[in-house]
Amino acid sequence: MAEESNIIKVSVKRGYASFVYQSKEVLKTHETVALHGLGEATANVVRAAEMLCSNGYTTLENFQTLSVPETDREGISRNRNKAIITLRRSSNFDQICEEFEKTRKPK
C-alpha cells in the first residue's frame, strides 16, 4: 500500500480555492503540506498558501523559488519558474476546521 503524500502539484486548470480545500484534507493526516507550482501555476500556489495562512489553518514554514530547465516541443532548453511553499498545520487547525464546517451552508 502506497503512503499518502503531503505534496500537492498545483496547476492553472483549477482555481486556487480547490487547492486550499485539498491542502486542508492533507493537513488532517500530515503536519505539513507542500504546494508545488510550475510556471503560471506559481500564482495559484501563492494564493492558496496566503489563504491558508490568513485564515489561521497554517503557518509558513518555507518558501522556495527555483529555475527549472525544461525542453520545449522544438527541443530548445528553457528555464521555467517553480515555487514550493511548505506550510505547517497550526495548533488550532482542528478548531478552525470545525468552526468553518458549522458556518458552511449545506448544498
PDB file of N, CA and C in Angstrom:
ATOM      1  N   MET A   1       0.847  -1.180   0.000  1.00  0.00           N
ATOM      2  CA  MET A   1       0.000   0.000   0.000  1.00  0.00           C
ATOM      3  C   MET A   1       0.889   1.238   0.000  1.00  0.00           C
ATOM      4  N   ALA A   2       0.622   2.160  -0.902  1.00  0.00           N
ATOM      5  CA  ALA A   2       1.433   3.368  -1.041  1.00  0.00           C
ATOM      6  C   ALA A   2       1.103   4.361   0.071  1.00  0.00           C
ATOM      7  N   GLU A   3       2.145   5.033   0.551  1.00  0.00           N
ATOM      8  CA  GLU A   3       1.971   6.045   1.581  1.00  0.00           C
ATOM      9  C   GLU A   3       1.425   7.319   0.957  1.00  0.00           C
ATOM     10  N   GLU A   4       0.491   7.947   1.647  1.00  0.00           N
ATOM     11  CA  GLU A   4      -0.059   9.207   1.155  1.00  0.00           C
ATOM     12  C   GLU A   4       1.011  10.279   1.199  1.00  0.00           C
ATOM     13  N   SER A   5       0.986  11.153   0.220  1.00  0.00           N
ATOM     14  CA  SER A   5       1.974  12.215   0.140  1.00  0.00           C
ATOM     15  C   SER A   5       1.392  13.522   0.668  1.00  0.00           C
ATOM     16  N   ASN A   6       2.263  14.368   1.166  1.00  0.00           N
ATOM     17  CA  ASN A   6       1.829  15.689   1.595  1.00  0.00           C
ATOM     18  C   ASN A   6       2.172  16.747   0.539  1.00  0.00           C
ATOM     19  N   ILE A   7       2.518  16.306  -0.663  1.00  0.00           N
ATOM     20  CA  ILE A   7       2.854  17.218  -1.759  1.00  0.00           C
ATOM     21  C   ILE A   7       1.645  17.372  -2.674  1.00  0.00           C
ATOM     22  N   ILE A   8       1.306  18.616  -2.969  1.00  0.00           N
ATOM     23  CA  ILE A   8       0.212  18.911  -3.887  1.00  0.00           C
ATOM     24  C   ILE A   8       0.797  19.617  -5.101  1.00  0.00           C
ATOM     25  N   LYS A   9       0.567  19.052  -6.263  1.00  0.00           N
ATOM     26  CA  LYS A   9       1.017  19.668  -7.514  1.00  0.00           C
ATOM     27  C   LYS A   9      -0.078  20.614  -7.995  1.00  0.00           C
ATOM     28  N   VAL A  10       0.197  21.889  -7.902  1.00  0.00           N
ATOM     29  CA  VAL A  10      -0.764  22.935  -8.229  1.00  0.00           C
ATOM     30  C   VAL A  10      -0.698  23.231  -9.720  1.00  0.00           C
ATOM     31  N   SER A  11      -1.863  23.434 -10.323  1.00  0.00           N
ATOM     32  CA  SER A  11      -1.931  23.738 -11.753  1.00  0.00           C
ATOM     33  C   SER A  11      -2.782  24.981 -11.974  1.00  0.00           C
ATOM     34  N   VAL A  12      -2.902  25.382 -13.225  1.00  0.00           N
ATOM     35  CA  VAL A  12      -3.778  26.501 -13.585  1.00  0.00           C
ATOM     36  C   VAL A  12      -5.134  26.002 -14.067  1.00  0.00           C
ATOM     37  N   LYS A  13      -5.299  24.692 -14.139  1.00  0.00           N
ATOM     38  CA  LYS A  13      -6.549  24.116 -14.629  1.00  0.00           C
ATOM     39  C   LYS A  13      -7.687  24.272 -13.632  1.00  0.00           C
ATOM     40  N   ARG A  14      -7.344  24.449 -12.362  1.00  0.00           N
ATOM     41  CA  ARG A  14      -8.347  24.656 -11.317  1.00  0.00           C
ATOM     42  C   ARG A  14      -8.012  25.937 -10.567  1.00  0.00           C
ATOM     43  N   GLY A  15      -8.989  26.506  -9.940  1.00  0.00           N
ATOM     44  CA  GLY A  15      -8.778  27.712  -9.163  1.00  0.00           C
ATOM     45  C   GLY A  15      -8.042  27.416  -7.863  1.00  0.00           C
ATOM     46  N   TYR A  16      -7.479  28.447  -7.272  1.00  0.00           N
ATOM     47  CA  TYR A  16      -6.684  28.261  -6.052  1.00  0.00           C
ATOM     48  C   TYR A  16      -7.519  27.719  -4.897  1.00  0.00           C
ATOM     49  N   ALA A  17      -8.822  28.007  -4.875  1.00  0.00           N
ATOM     50  CA  ALA A  17      -9.676  27.551  -3.774  1.00  0.00           C
ATOM     51  C   ALA A  17      -9.715  26.027  -3.687  1.00  0.00           C
ATOM     52  N   SER A  18      -9.636  25.353  -4.816  1.00  0.00           N
ATOM     53  CA  SER A  18      -9.640  23.883  -4.774  1.00  0.00           C
ATOM     54  C   SER A  18      -8.365  23.360  -4.124  1.00  0.00           C
ATOM     55  N   PHE A  19      -7.267  24.089  -4.259  1.00  0.00           N
ATOM     56  CA  PHE A  19      -6.016  23.678  -3.626  1.00  0.00           C
ATOM     57  C   PHE A  19      -6.014  24.011  -2.135  1.00  0.00           C
ATOM     58  N   VAL A  20      -6.779  25.019  -1.744  1.00  0.00           N
ATOM     59  CA  VAL A  20      -6.969  25.309  -0.324  1.00  0.00           C
ATOM     60  C   VAL A  20      -7.693  24.125   0.316  1.00  0.00           C
ATOM     61  N   TYR A  21      -8.784  23.681  -0.318  1.00  0.00           N
ATOM     62  CA  TYR A  21      -9.548  22.535   0.187  1.00  0.00           C
ATOM     63  C   TYR A  21      -8.670  21.286   0.246  1.00  0.00           C
ATOM     64  N   GLN A  22      -7.936  21.011  -0.824  1.00  0.00           N
ATOM     65  CA  GLN A  22      -7.074  19.837  -0.884  1.00  0.00           C
ATOM     66  C   GLN A  22      -5.999  19.892   0.202  1.00  0.00           C
ATOM     67  N   SER A  23      -5.451  21.076   0.437  1.00  0.00           N
ATOM     68  CA  SER A  23      -4.431  21.250   1.483  1.00  0.00           C
ATOM     69  C   SER A  23      -5.011  20.949   2.861  1.00  0.00           C
ATOM     70  N   LYS A  24      -6.217  21.424   3.118  1.00  0.00           N
ATOM     71  CA  LYS A  24      -6.860  21.157   4.404  1.00  0.00           C
ATOM     72  C   LYS A  24      -7.066  19.658   4.605  1.00  0.00           C
ATOM     73  N   GLU A  25      -7.412  18.943   3.549  1.00  0.00           N
ATOM     74  CA  GLU A  25      -7.579  17.491   3.641  1.00  0.00           C
ATOM     75  C   GLU A  25      -6.244  16.813   3.960  1.00  0.00           C
ATOM     76  N   VAL A  26      -5.173  17.244   3.318  1.00  0.00           N
ATOM     77  CA  VAL A  26      -3.843  16.682   3.578  1.00  0.00           C
ATOM     78  C   VAL A  26      -3.432  16.958   5.024  1.00  0.00           C
ATOM     79  N   LEU A  27      -3.718  18.161   5.504  1.00  0.00           N
ATOM     80  CA  LEU A  27      -3.316  18.545   6.852  1.00  0.00           C
ATOM     81  C   LEU A  27      -4.067  17.785   7.949  1.00  0.00           C
ATOM     82  N   LYS A  28      -5.139  17.113   7.593  1.00  0.00           N
ATOM     83  CA  LYS A  28      -5.845  16.295   8.582  1.00  0.00           C
ATOM     84  C   LYS A  28      -5.024  15.066   8.968  1.00  0.00           C
ATOM     85  N   THR A  29      -4.090  14.660   8.086  1.00  0.00           N
ATOM     86  CA  THR A  29      -3.273  13.476   8.361  1.00  0.00           C
ATOM     87  C   THR A  29      -1.776  13.756   8.386  1.00  0.00           C
ATOM     88  N   HIS A  30      -1.349  14.970   8.016  1.00  0.00           N
ATOM     89  CA  HIS A  30       0.068  15.331   7.988  1.00  0.00           C
ATOM     90  C   HIS A  30       0.274  16.643   8.740  1.00  0.00           C
ATOM     91  N   GLU A  31       1.460  16.804   9.291  1.00  0.00           N
ATOM     92  CA  GLU A  31       1.818  18.054   9.982  1.00  0.00           C
ATOM     93  C   GLU A  31       2.070  19.191   8.999  1.00  0.00           C
ATOM     94  N   THR A  32       2.545  18.841   7.797  1.00  0.00           N
ATOM     95  CA  THR A  32       2.868  19.854   6.798  1.00  0.00           C
ATOM     96  C   THR A  32       2.259  19.496   5.452  1.00  0.00           C
ATOM     97  N   VAL A  33       2.148  20.514   4.607  1.00  0.00           N
ATOM     98  CA  VAL A  33       1.738  20.327   3.221  1.00  0.00           C
ATOM     99  C   VAL A  33       2.676  21.175   2.371  1.00  0.00           C
ATOM    100  N   ALA A  34       3.074  20.631   1.218  1.00  0.00           N
ATOM    101  CA  ALA A  34       3.964  21.358   0.307  1.00  0.00           C
ATOM    102  C   ALA A  34       3.221  21.592  -1.004  1.00  0.00           C
ATOM    103  N   LEU A  35       3.067  22.856  -1.356  1.00  0.00           N
ATOM    104  CA  LEU A  35       2.403  23.237  -2.601  1.00  0.00           C
ATOM    105  C   LEU A  35       3.474  23.498  -3.655  1.00  0.00           C
ATOM    106  N   HIS A  36       3.433  22.768  -4.759  1.00  0.00           N
ATOM    107  CA  HIS A  36       4.411  22.890  -5.839  1.00  0.00           C
ATOM    108  C   HIS A  36       3.705  23.417  -7.079  1.00  0.00           C
ATOM    109  N   GLY A  37       4.237  24.474  -7.666  1.00  0.00           N
ATOM    110  CA  GLY A  37       3.664  25.029  -8.888  1.00  0.00           C
ATOM    111  C   GLY A  37       4.746  25.438  -9.858  1.00  0.00           C
ATOM    112  N   LEU A  38       4.497  25.179 -11.133  1.00  0.00           N
ATOM    113  CA  LEU A  38       5.455  25.463 -12.189  1.00  0.00           C
ATOM    114  C   LEU A  38       4.876  26.499 -13.139  1.00  0.00           C
ATOM    115  N   GLY A  39       5.681  27.482 -13.525  1.00  0.00           N
ATOM    116  CA  GLY A  39       5.241  28.489 -14.491  1.00  0.00           C
ATOM    117  C   GLY A  39       4.102  29.339 -13.952  1.00  0.00           C
ATOM    118  N   GLU A  40       3.023  29.440 -14.730  1.00  0.00           N
ATOM    119  CA  GLU A  40       1.878  30.269 -14.341  1.00  0.00           C
ATOM    120  C   GLU A  40       1.164  29.755 -13.089  1.00  0.00           C
ATOM    121  N   ALA A  41       1.358  28.497 -12.764  1.00  0.00           N
ATOM    122  CA  ALA A  41       0.713  27.921 -11.579  1.00  0.00           C
ATOM    123  C   ALA A  41       1.294  28.478 -10.278  1.00  0.00           C
ATOM    124  N   THR A  42       2.433  29.164 -10.350  1.00  0.00           N
ATOM    125  CA  THR A  42       3.012  29.732  -9.132  1.00  0.00           C
ATOM    126  C   THR A  42       2.064  30.737  -8.486  1.00  0.00           C
ATOM    127  N   ALA A  43       1.253  31.412  -9.290  1.00  0.00           N
ATOM    128  CA  ALA A  43       0.277  32.358  -8.733  1.00  0.00           C
ATOM    129  C   ALA A  43      -0.747  31.627  -7.865  1.00  0.00           C
ATOM    130  N   ASN A  44      -1.206  30.455  -8.317  1.00  0.00           N
ATOM    131  CA  ASN A  44      -2.151  29.669  -7.514  1.00  0.00           C
ATOM    132  C   ASN A  44      -1.515  29.144  -6.244  1.00  0.00           C
ATOM    133  N   VAL A  45      -0.229  28.805  -6.293  1.00  0.00           N
ATOM    134  CA  VAL A  45       0.496  28.350  -5.104  1.00  0.00           C
ATOM    135  C   VAL A  45       0.485  29.456  -4.054  1.00  0.00           C
ATOM    136  N   VAL A  46       0.842  30.657  -4.467  1.00  0.00           N
ATOM    137  CA  VAL A  46       0.911  31.785  -3.536  1.00  0.00           C
ATOM    138  C   VAL A  46      -0.469  32.131  -3.000  1.00  0.00           C
ATOM    139  N   ARG A  47      -1.481  32.154  -3.851  1.00  0.00           N
ATOM    140  CA  ARG A  47      -2.842  32.493  -3.405  1.00  0.00           C
ATOM    141  C   ARG A  47      -3.373  31.472  -2.406  1.00  0.00           C
ATOM    142  N   ALA A  48      -3.185  30.189  -2.700  1.00  0.00           N
ATOM    143  CA  ALA A  48      -3.674  29.145  -1.794  1.00  0.00           C
ATOM    144  C   ALA A  48      -2.954  29.226  -0.449  1.00  0.00           C
ATOM    145  N   ALA A  49      -1.641  29.395  -0.480  1.00  0.00           N
ATOM    146  CA  ALA A  49      -0.864  29.487   0.760  1.00  0.00           C
ATOM    147  C   ALA A  49      -1.280  30.711   1.574  1.00  0.00           C
ATOM    148  N   GLU A  50      -1.466  31.824   0.905  1.00  0.00           N
ATOM    149  CA  GLU A  50      -1.875  33.056   1.595  1.00  0.00           C
ATOM    150  C   GLU A  50      -3.234  32.868   2.263  1.00  0.00           C
ATOM    151  N   MET A  51      -4.163  32.213   1.580  1.00  0.00           N
ATOM    152  CA  MET A  51      -5.494  31.985   2.131  1.00  0.00           C
ATOM    153  C   MET A  51      -5.421  31.072   3.368  1.00  0.00           C
ATOM    154  N   LEU A  52      -4.628  30.018   3.289  1.00  0.00           N
ATOM    155  CA  LEU A  52      -4.496  29.091   4.413  1.00  0.00           C
ATOM    156  C   LEU A  52      -3.866  29.770   5.629  1.00  0.00           C
ATOM    157  N   CYS A  53      -2.869  30.610   5.389  1.00  0.00           N
ATOM    158  CA  CYS A  53      -2.207  31.326   6.497  1.00  0.00           C
ATOM    159  C   CYS A  53      -3.105  32.413   7.080  1.00  0.00           C
ATOM    160  N   SER A  54      -3.736  33.196   6.232  1.00  0.00           N
ATOM    161  CA  SER A  54      -4.541  34.317   6.720  1.00  0.00           C
ATOM    162  C   SER A  54      -5.783  33.851   7.474  1.00  0.00           C
ATOM    163  N   ASN A  55      -6.275  32.661   7.165  1.00  0.00           N
ATOM    164  CA  ASN A  55      -7.430  32.118   7.882  1.00  0.00           C
ATOM    165  C   ASN A  55      -7.046  31.279   9.096  1.00  0.00           C
ATOM    166  N   GLY A  56      -5.740  31.181   9.383  1.00  0.00           N
ATOM    167  CA  GLY A  56      -5.275  30.536  10.597  1.00  0.00           C
ATOM    168  C   GLY A  56      -5.089  29.032  10.523  1.00  0.00           C
ATOM    169  N   TYR A  57      -5.278  28.429   9.360  1.00  0.00           N
ATOM    170  CA  TYR A  57      -5.116  26.982   9.237  1.00  0.00           C
ATOM    171  C   TYR A  57      -3.650  26.562   9.333  1.00  0.00           C
ATOM    172  N   THR A  58      -2.752  27.413   8.832  1.00  0.00           N
ATOM    173  CA  THR A  58      -1.340  27.055   8.745  1.00  0.00           C
ATOM    174  C   THR A  58      -0.448  28.231   9.110  1.00  0.00           C
ATOM    175  N   THR A  59       0.832  27.892   9.257  1.00  0.00           N
ATOM    176  CA  THR A  59       1.882  28.907   9.349  1.00  0.00           C
ATOM    177  C   THR A  59       2.904  28.586   8.262  1.00  0.00           C
ATOM    178  N   LEU A  60       3.553  29.616   7.780  1.00  0.00           N
ATOM    179  CA  LEU A  60       4.552  29.442   6.728  1.00  0.00           C
ATOM    180  C   LEU A  60       5.806  28.807   7.303  1.00  0.00           C
ATOM    181  N   GLU A  61       6.212  27.704   6.706  1.00  0.00           N
ATOM    182  CA  GLU A  61       7.443  27.046   7.137  1.00  0.00           C
ATOM    183  C   GLU A  61       8.591  27.346   6.178  1.00  0.00           C
ATOM    184  N   ASN A  62       8.317  27.332   4.869  1.00  0.00           N
ATOM    185  CA  ASN A  62       9.388  27.545   3.894  1.00  0.00           C
ATOM    186  C   ASN A  62       8.782  28.033   2.581  1.00  0.00           C
ATOM    187  N   PHE A  63       9.465  28.978   1.943  1.00  0.00           N
ATOM    188  CA  PHE A  63       9.066  29.485   0.632  1.00  0.00           C
ATOM    189  C   PHE A  63      10.306  29.419  -0.240  1.00  0.00           C
ATOM    190  N   GLN A  64      10.218  28.650  -1.306  1.00  0.00           N
ATOM    191  CA  GLN A  64      11.382  28.430  -2.155  1.00  0.00           C
ATOM    192  C   GLN A  64      10.993  28.684  -3.606  1.00  0.00           C
ATOM    193  N   THR A  65      11.881  29.363  -4.329  1.00  0.00           N
ATOM    194  CA  THR A  65      11.691  29.536  -5.771  1.00  0.00           C
ATOM    195  C   THR A  65      12.898  28.945  -6.484  1.00  0.00           C
ATOM    196  N   LEU A  66      12.627  28.324  -7.606  1.00  0.00           N
ATOM    197  CA  LEU A  66      13.670  27.677  -8.385  1.00  0.00           C
ATOM    198  C   LEU A  66      13.516  28.033  -9.850  1.00  0.00           C
ATOM    199  N   SER A  67      14.573  27.827 -10.586  1.00  0.00           N
ATOM    200  CA  SER A  67      14.537  27.913 -12.040  1.00  0.00           C
ATOM    201  C   SER A  67      14.808  26.503 -12.544  1.00  0.00           C
ATOM    202  N   VAL A  68      13.806  25.914 -13.212  1.00  0.00           N
ATOM    203  CA  VAL A  68      13.877  24.509 -13.616  1.00  0.00           C
ATOM    204  C   VAL A  68      14.082  24.428 -15.124  1.00  0.00           C
ATOM    205  N   PRO A  69      15.130  23.726 -15.573  1.00  0.00           N
ATOM    206  CA  PRO A  69      15.325  23.567 -17.020  1.00  0.00           C
ATOM    207  C   PRO A  69      14.276  22.620 -17.605  1.00  0.00           C
ATOM    208  N   GLU A  70      13.797  22.985 -18.778  1.00  0.00           N
ATOM    209  CA  GLU A  70      12.780  22.175 -19.443  1.00  0.00           C
ATOM    210  C   GLU A  70      12.977  22.286 -20.948  1.00  0.00           C
ATOM    211  N   THR A  71      12.794  21.192 -21.643  1.00  0.00           N
ATOM    212  CA  THR A  71      12.930  21.202 -23.094  1.00  0.00           C
ATOM    213  C   THR A  71      11.558  21.370 -23.724  1.00  0.00           C
ATOM    214  N   ASP A  72      11.427  22.355 -24.628  1.00  0.00           N
ATOM    215  CA  ASP A  72      10.135  22.587 -25.267  1.00  0.00           C
ATOM    216  C   ASP A  72       9.941  21.651 -26.459  1.00  0.00           C
ATOM    217  N   ARG A  73       8.845  21.824 -27.175  1.00  0.00           N
ATOM    218  CA  ARG A  73       8.487  20.942 -28.295  1.00  0.00           C
ATOM    219  C   ARG A  73       9.514  20.958 -29.417  1.00  0.00           C
ATOM    220  N   GLU A  74      10.202  22.070 -29.563  1.00  0.00           N
ATOM    221  CA  GLU A  74      11.216  22.190 -30.629  1.00  0.00           C
ATOM    222  C   GLU A  74      12.576  21.670 -30.178  1.00  0.00           C
ATOM    223  N   GLY A  75      12.654  21.184 -28.948  1.00  0.00           N
ATOM    224  CA  GLY A  75      13.912  20.662 -28.434  1.00  0.00           C
ATOM    225  C   GLY A  75      14.823  21.715 -27.837  1.00  0.00           C
ATOM    226  N   ILE A  76      14.299  22.924 -27.650  1.00  0.00           N
ATOM    227  CA  ILE A  76      15.084  24.015 -27.082  1.00  0.00           C
ATOM    228  C   ILE A  76      14.945  23.997 -25.563  1.00  0.00           C
ATOM    229  N   SER A  77      16.073  24.060 -24.883  1.00  0.00           N
ATOM    230  CA  SER A  77      16.067  24.067 -23.430  1.00  0.00           C
ATOM    231  C   SER A  77      15.757  25.473 -22.913  1.00  0.00           C
ATOM    232  N   ARG A  78      14.781  25.559 -22.041  1.00  0.00           N
ATOM    233  CA  ARG A  78      14.374  26.833 -21.441  1.00  0.00           C
ATOM    234  C   ARG A  78      14.232  26.634 -19.938  1.00  0.00           C
ATOM    235  N   ASN A  79      14.288  27.727 -19.225  1.00  0.00           N
ATOM    236  CA  ASN A  79      14.090  27.677 -17.778  1.00  0.00           C
ATOM    237  C   ASN A  79      12.674  28.118 -17.449  1.00  0.00           C
ATOM    238  N   ARG A  80      12.050  27.403 -16.506  1.00  0.00           N
ATOM    239  CA  ARG A  80      10.717  27.772 -16.014  1.00  0.00           C
ATOM    240  C   ARG A  80      10.823  28.017 -14.518  1.00  0.00           C
ATOM    241  N   ASN A  81      10.020  28.933 -14.052  1.00  0.00           N
ATOM    242  CA  ASN A  81       9.994  29.235 -12.629  1.00  0.00           C
ATOM    243  C   ASN A  81       9.172  28.186 -11.894  1.00  0.00           C
ATOM    244  N   LYS A  82       9.622  27.842 -10.693  1.00  0.00           N
ATOM    245  CA  LYS A  82       8.894  26.907  -9.846  1.00  0.00           C
ATOM    246  C   LYS A  82       8.839  27.480  -8.444  1.00  0.00           C
ATOM    247  N   ALA A  83       7.680  27.399  -7.826  1.00  0.00           N
ATOM    248  CA  ALA A  83       7.514  27.837  -6.446  1.00  0.00           C
ATOM    249  C   ALA A  83       7.115  26.635  -5.601  1.00  0.00           C
ATOM    250  N   ILE A  84       7.737  26.526  -4.446  1.00  0.00           N
ATOM    251  CA  ILE A  84       7.398  25.492  -3.480  1.00  0.00           C
ATOM    252  C   ILE A  84       7.170  26.194  -2.148  1.00  0.00           C
ATOM    253  N   ILE A  85       5.955  26.075  -1.631  1.00  0.00           N
ATOM    254  CA  ILE A  85       5.638  26.661  -0.333  1.00  0.00           C
ATOM    255  C   ILE A  85       5.245  25.531   0.604  1.00  0.00           C
ATOM    256  N   THR A  86       5.963  25.434   1.715  1.00  0.00           N
ATOM    257  CA  THR A  86       5.669  24.427   2.727  1.00  0.00           C
ATOM    258  C   THR A  86       4.984  25.113   3.891  1.00  0.00           C
ATOM    259  N   LEU A  87       3.843  24.563   4.277  1.00  0.00           N
ATOM    260  CA  LEU A  87       3.038  25.127   5.355  1.00  0.00           C
ATOM    261  C   LEU A  87       2.915  24.107   6.479  1.00  0.00           C
ATOM    262  N   ARG A  88       2.921  24.597   7.706  1.00  0.00           N
ATOM    263  CA  ARG A  88       2.751  23.735   8.886  1.00  0.00           C
ATOM    264  C   ARG A  88       1.357  23.950   9.458  1.00  0.00           C
ATOM    265  N   ARG A  89       0.733  22.858   9.828  1.00  0.00           N
ATOM    266  CA  ARG A  89      -0.604  22.908  10.439  1.00  0.00           C
ATOM    267  C   ARG A  89      -0.537  23.734  11.726  1.00  0.00           C
ATOM    268  N   SER A  90      -1.473  24.639  11.905  1.00  0.00           N
ATOM    269  CA  SER A  90      -1.482  25.473  13.114  1.00  0.00           C
ATOM    270  C   SER A  90      -1.964  24.656  14.305  1.00  0.00           C
ATOM    271  N   SER A  91      -1.667  25.153  15.493  1.00  0.00           N
ATOM    272  CA  SER A  91      -2.049  24.429  16.710  1.00  0.00           C
ATOM    273  C   SER A  91      -3.562  24.347  16.895  1.00  0.00           C
ATOM    274  N   ASN A  92      -4.293  25.289  16.327  1.00  0.00           N
ATOM    275  CA  ASN A  92      -5.759  25.275  16.446  1.00  0.00           C
ATOM    276  C   ASN A  92      -6.431  24.915  15.115  1.00  0.00           C
ATOM    277  N   PHE A  93      -5.752  24.150  14.290  1.00  0.00           N
ATOM    278  CA  PHE A  93      -6.267  23.737  12.978  1.00  0.00           C
ATOM    279  C   PHE A  93      -7.623  23.042  13.094  1.00  0.00           C
ATOM    280  N   ASP A  94      -7.727  22.057  13.990  1.00  0.00           N
ATOM    281  CA  ASP A  94      -8.973  21.295  14.121  1.00  0.00           C
ATOM    282  C   ASP A  94     -10.137  22.183  14.534  1.00  0.00           C
ATOM    283  N   GLN A  95      -9.893  23.098  15.451  1.00  0.00           N
ATOM    284  CA  GLN A  95     -10.934  24.009  15.920  1.00  0.00           C
ATOM    285  C   GLN A  95     -11.410  24.921  14.786  1.00  0.00           C
ATOM    286  N   ILE A  96     -10.484  25.453  14.008  1.00  0.00           N
ATOM    287  CA  ILE A  96     -10.844  26.337  12.894  1.00  0.00           C
ATOM    288  C   ILE A  96     -11.645  25.570  11.841  1.00  0.00           C
ATOM    289  N   CYS A  97     -11.248  24.317  11.570  1.00  0.00           N
ATOM    290  CA  CYS A  97     -11.993  23.492  10.613  1.00  0.00           C
ATOM    291  C   CYS A  97     -13.417  23.248  11.091  1.00  0.00           C
ATOM    292  N   GLU A  98     -13.583  22.946  12.390  1.00  0.00           N
ATOM    293  CA  GLU A  98     -14.919  22.725  12.950  1.00  0.00           C
ATOM    294  C   GLU A  98     -15.779  23.975  12.832  1.00  0.00           C
ATOM    295  N   GLU A  99     -15.216  25.132  13.168  1.00  0.00           N
ATOM    296  CA  GLU A  99     -15.957  26.388  13.068  1.00  0.00           C
ATOM    297  C   GLU A  99     -16.367  26.673  11.625  1.00  0.00           C
ATOM    298  N   PHE A 100     -15.468  26.389  10.683  1.00  0.00           N
ATOM    299  CA  PHE A 100     -15.780  26.599   9.271  1.00  0.00           C
ATOM    300  C   PHE A 100     -16.932  25.702   8.842  1.00  0.00           C
ATOM    301  N   GLU A 101     -16.914  24.439   9.251  1.00  0.00           N
ATOM    302  CA  GLU A 101     -17.967  23.494   8.859  1.00  0.00           C
ATOM    303  C   GLU A 101     -19.316  23.901   9.439  1.00  0.00           C
ATOM    304  N   LYS A 102     -19.331  24.496  10.626  1.00  0.00           N
ATOM    305  CA  LYS A 102     -20.587  24.949  11.244  1.00  0.00           C
ATOM    306  C   LYS A 102     -21.193  26.109  10.470  1.00  0.00           C
ATOM    307  N   THR A 103     -20.357  26.989   9.933  1.00  0.00           N
ATOM    308  CA  THR A 103     -20.874  28.172   9.248  1.00  0.00           C
ATOM    309  C   THR A 103     -21.133  27.931   7.760  1.00  0.00           C
ATOM    310  N   ARG A 104     -20.637  26.813   7.251  1.00  0.00           N
ATOM    311  CA  ARG A 104     -20.795  26.484   5.833  1.00  0.00           C
ATOM    312  C   ARG A 104     -22.237  26.134   5.515  1.00  0.00           C
ATOM    313  N   LYS A 105     -22.741  26.657   4.436  1.00  0.00           N
ATOM    314  CA  LYS A 105     -24.124  26.390   4.036  1.00  0.00           C
ATOM    315  C   LYS A 105     -24.226  25.008   3.408  1.00  0.00           C
ATOM    316  N   PRO A 106     -25.246  24.243   3.777  1.00  0.00           N
ATOM    317  CA  PRO A 106     -25.413  22.926   3.148  1.00  0.00           C
ATOM    318  C   PRO A 106     -25.787  23.064   1.674  1.00  0.00           C
ATOM    319  N   LYS A 107     -25.345  22.074   0.886  1.00  0.00           N
ATOM    320  CA  LYS A 107     -25.617  22.115  -0.571  1.00  0.00           C
ATOM    321  C   LYS A 107     -27.022  21.677  -0.872  1.00  0.00           C
TER     322      LYS A 107
END
